[in-house]
Amino acid sequence: MSILTLDLNTNSFASDPEYAAGRADAYDDSRTLTLHALTARAAEYTEHGHLLRAVGYMDRVLELRMEHDAVTAAETELAHANREQATR
């Protein structure tokens, strides 16, 4: 018996080289820039660069922001739990 596996890729730009280049640029820039600086650079791409490169760049920036928010929430929850344990 086999299981049908569907490709749920909803991003129609995923195979475009400009989109991939934008994601790669954002990945490289994330090593040295803050999220605010990455967002500003994405705005520059939107105004002055190729649109698909800007979309790829912003997609990666949004992923980084969601990762940052998830880590912040987890660390806050952990700090709160540790504080409650310390006060007992």
C-alpha atoms as a PDB file:
ATOM      1  CA  MET A   1       0.000   0.000   0.000  1.00  0.00           C
ATOM      2  CA  SER A   2       1.307   3.440  -0.864  1.00  0.00           C
ATOM      3  CA  ILE A   3       0.432   6.876   0.409  1.00  0.00           C
ATOM      4  CA  LEU A   4      -0.226   9.734  -1.965  1.00  0.00           C
ATOM      5  CA  THR A   5       2.082  12.645  -1.231  1.00  0.00           C
ATOM      6  CA  LEU A   6       0.943  16.044  -2.441  1.00  0.00           C
ATOM      7  CA  ASP A   7       3.255  18.936  -3.113  1.00  0.00           C
ATOM      8  CA  LEU A   8       1.683  21.795  -1.195  1.00  0.00           C
ATOM      9  CA  ASN A   9       4.080  24.405  -2.506  1.00  0.00           C
ATOM     10  CA  THR A  10       1.867  27.477  -2.749  1.00  0.00           C
ATOM     11  CA  ASN A  11       4.702  29.782  -3.771  1.00  0.00           C
ATOM     12  CA  SER A  12       4.680  30.025  -7.546  1.00  0.00           C
ATOM     13  CA  PHE A  13       7.939  32.004  -7.494  1.00  0.00           C
ATOM     14  CA  ALA A  14      10.002  29.272  -5.824  1.00  0.00           C
ATOM     15  CA  SER A  15      11.690  28.219  -9.067  1.00  0.00           C
ATOM     16  CA  ASP A  16      12.503  31.741 -10.228  1.00  0.00           C
ATOM     17  CA  PRO A  17      16.227  32.630  -9.999  1.00  0.00           C
ATOM     18  CA  GLU A  18      15.540  36.235  -8.957  1.00  0.00           C
ATOM     19  CA  TYR A  19      13.340  35.057  -6.081  1.00  0.00           C
ATOM     20  CA  ALA A  20      16.029  32.593  -4.983  1.00  0.00           C
ATOM     21  CA  ALA A  21      18.683  35.306  -5.211  1.00  0.00           C
ATOM     22  CA  GLY A  22      16.596  37.585  -2.986  1.00  0.00           C
ATOM     23  CA  ARG A  23      16.213  34.847  -0.364  1.00  0.00           C
ATOM     24  CA  ALA A  24      19.950  34.141  -0.534  1.00  0.00           C
ATOM     25  CA  ASP A  25      20.775  37.834  -0.123  1.00  0.00           C
ATOM     26  CA  ALA A  26      18.549  38.061   2.949  1.00  0.00           C
ATOM     27  CA  TYR A  27      20.103  34.910   4.380  1.00  0.00           C
ATOM     28  CA  ASP A  28      23.591  36.358   3.939  1.00  0.00           C
ATOM     29  CA  ASP A  29      22.599  39.794   5.253  1.00  0.00           C
ATOM     30  CA  SER A  30      20.966  38.314   8.353  1.00  0.00           C
ATOM     31  CA  ARG A  31      24.416  37.457   9.683  1.00  0.00           C
ATOM     32  CA  THR A  32      25.369  41.122   9.997  1.00  0.00           C
ATOM     33  CA  LEU A  33      22.168  43.204   9.994  1.00  0.00           C
ATOM     34  CA  THR A  34      19.305  43.605  12.462  1.00  0.00           C
ATOM     35  CA  LEU A  35      15.699  42.856  11.554  1.00  0.00           C
ATOM     36  CA  HIS A  36      14.996  46.573  11.181  1.00  0.00           C
ATOM     37  CA  ALA A  37      17.938  46.984   8.818  1.00  0.00           C
ATOM     38  CA  LEU A  38      16.819  43.926   6.832  1.00  0.00           C
ATOM     39  CA  THR A  39      13.333  45.416   6.487  1.00  0.00           C
ATOM     40  CA  ALA A  40      14.799  48.707   5.291  1.00  0.00           C
ATOM     41  CA  ARG A  41      16.931  46.883   2.739  1.00  0.00           C
ATOM     42  CA  ALA A  42      13.851  44.983   1.528  1.00  0.00           C
ATOM     43  CA  ALA A  43      12.154  48.339   0.959  1.00  0.00           C
ATOM     44  CA  GLU A  44      15.146  49.439  -1.124  1.00  0.00           C
ATOM     45  CA  TYR A  45      14.878  46.264  -3.204  1.00  0.00           C
ATOM     46  CA  THR A  46      11.181  46.998  -3.739  1.00  0.00           C
ATOM     47  CA  GLU A  47      11.819  50.527  -4.966  1.00  0.00           C
ATOM     48  CA  HIS A  48      15.022  50.031  -6.934  1.00  0.00           C
ATOM     49  CA  GLY A  49      15.445  46.329  -7.680  1.00  0.00           C
ATOM     50  CA  HIS A  50      13.778  43.434  -9.390  1.00  0.00           C
ATOM     51  CA  LEU A  51      10.334  42.767  -7.880  1.00  0.00           C
ATOM     52  CA  LEU A  52      10.809  39.003  -7.501  1.00  0.00           C
ATOM     53  CA  ARG A  53      14.142  39.574  -5.770  1.00  0.00           C
ATOM     54  CA  ALA A  54      12.341  41.903  -3.358  1.00  0.00           C
ATOM     55  CA  VAL A  55       9.628  39.288  -2.747  1.00  0.00           C
ATOM     56  CA  GLY A  56      12.245  36.611  -2.016  1.00  0.00           C
ATOM     57  CA  TYR A  57      14.154  38.949   0.273  1.00  0.00           C
ATOM     58  CA  MET A  58      11.041  39.948   2.210  1.00  0.00           C
ATOM     59  CA  ASP A  59       9.855  36.338   2.508  1.00  0.00           C
ATOM     60  CA  ARG A  60      13.106  35.445   4.256  1.00  0.00           C
ATOM     61  CA  VAL A  61      12.934  38.570   6.438  1.00  0.00           C
ATOM     62  CA  LEU A  62       9.407  37.605   7.521  1.00  0.00           C
ATOM     63  CA  GLU A  63      10.629  34.098   8.377  1.00  0.00           C
ATOM     64  CA  LEU A  64      13.437  35.593  10.453  1.00  0.00           C
ATOM     65  CA  ARG A  65      10.961  37.852  12.265  1.00  0.00           C
ATOM     66  CA  MET A  66       8.698  34.892  13.058  1.00  0.00           C
ATOM     67  CA  GLU A  67      11.696  32.889  14.316  1.00  0.00           C
ATOM     68  CA  HIS A  68      12.738  35.834  16.502  1.00  0.00           C
ATOM     69  CA  ASP A  69       9.219  36.216  17.897  1.00  0.00           C
ATOM     70  CA  ALA A  70       8.966  32.497  18.673  1.00  0.00           C
ATOM     71  CA  VAL A  71      12.318  32.471  20.472  1.00  0.00           C
ATOM     72  CA  THR A  72      11.399  35.602  22.428  1.00  0.00           C
ATOM     73  CA  ALA A  73       8.099  34.089  23.527  1.00  0.00           C
ATOM     74  CA  ALA A  74       9.778  30.838  24.591  1.00  0.00           C
ATOM     75  CA  GLU A  75      12.494  32.661  26.530  1.00  0.00           C
ATOM     76  CA  THR A  76       9.896  34.841  28.255  1.00  0.00           C
ATOM     77  CA  GLU A  77       7.871  31.792  29.261  1.00  0.00           C
ATOM     78  CA  LEU A  78      11.006  30.067  30.555  1.00  0.00           C
ATOM     79  CA  ALA A  79      12.074  33.136  32.543  1.00  0.00           C
ATOM     80  CA  HIS A  80       8.619  33.403  34.069  1.00  0.00           C
ATOM     81  CA  ALA A  81       8.634  29.706  35.026  1.00  0.00           C
ATOM     82  CA  ASN A  82      12.104  29.993  36.541  1.00  0.00           C
ATOM     83  CA  ARG A  83      11.050  33.066  38.531  1.00  0.00           C
ATOM     84  CA  GLU A  84       8.042  31.241  39.944  1.00  0.00           C
ATOM     85  CA  GLN A  85      10.247  28.305  40.959  1.00  0.00           C
ATOM     86  CA  ALA A  86      12.742  30.627  42.636  1.00  0.00           C
ATOM     87  CA  THR A  87      10.048  32.297  44.734  1.00  0.00           C
ATOM     88  CA  ARG A  88       8.697  29.019  46.142  1.00  0.00           C
END
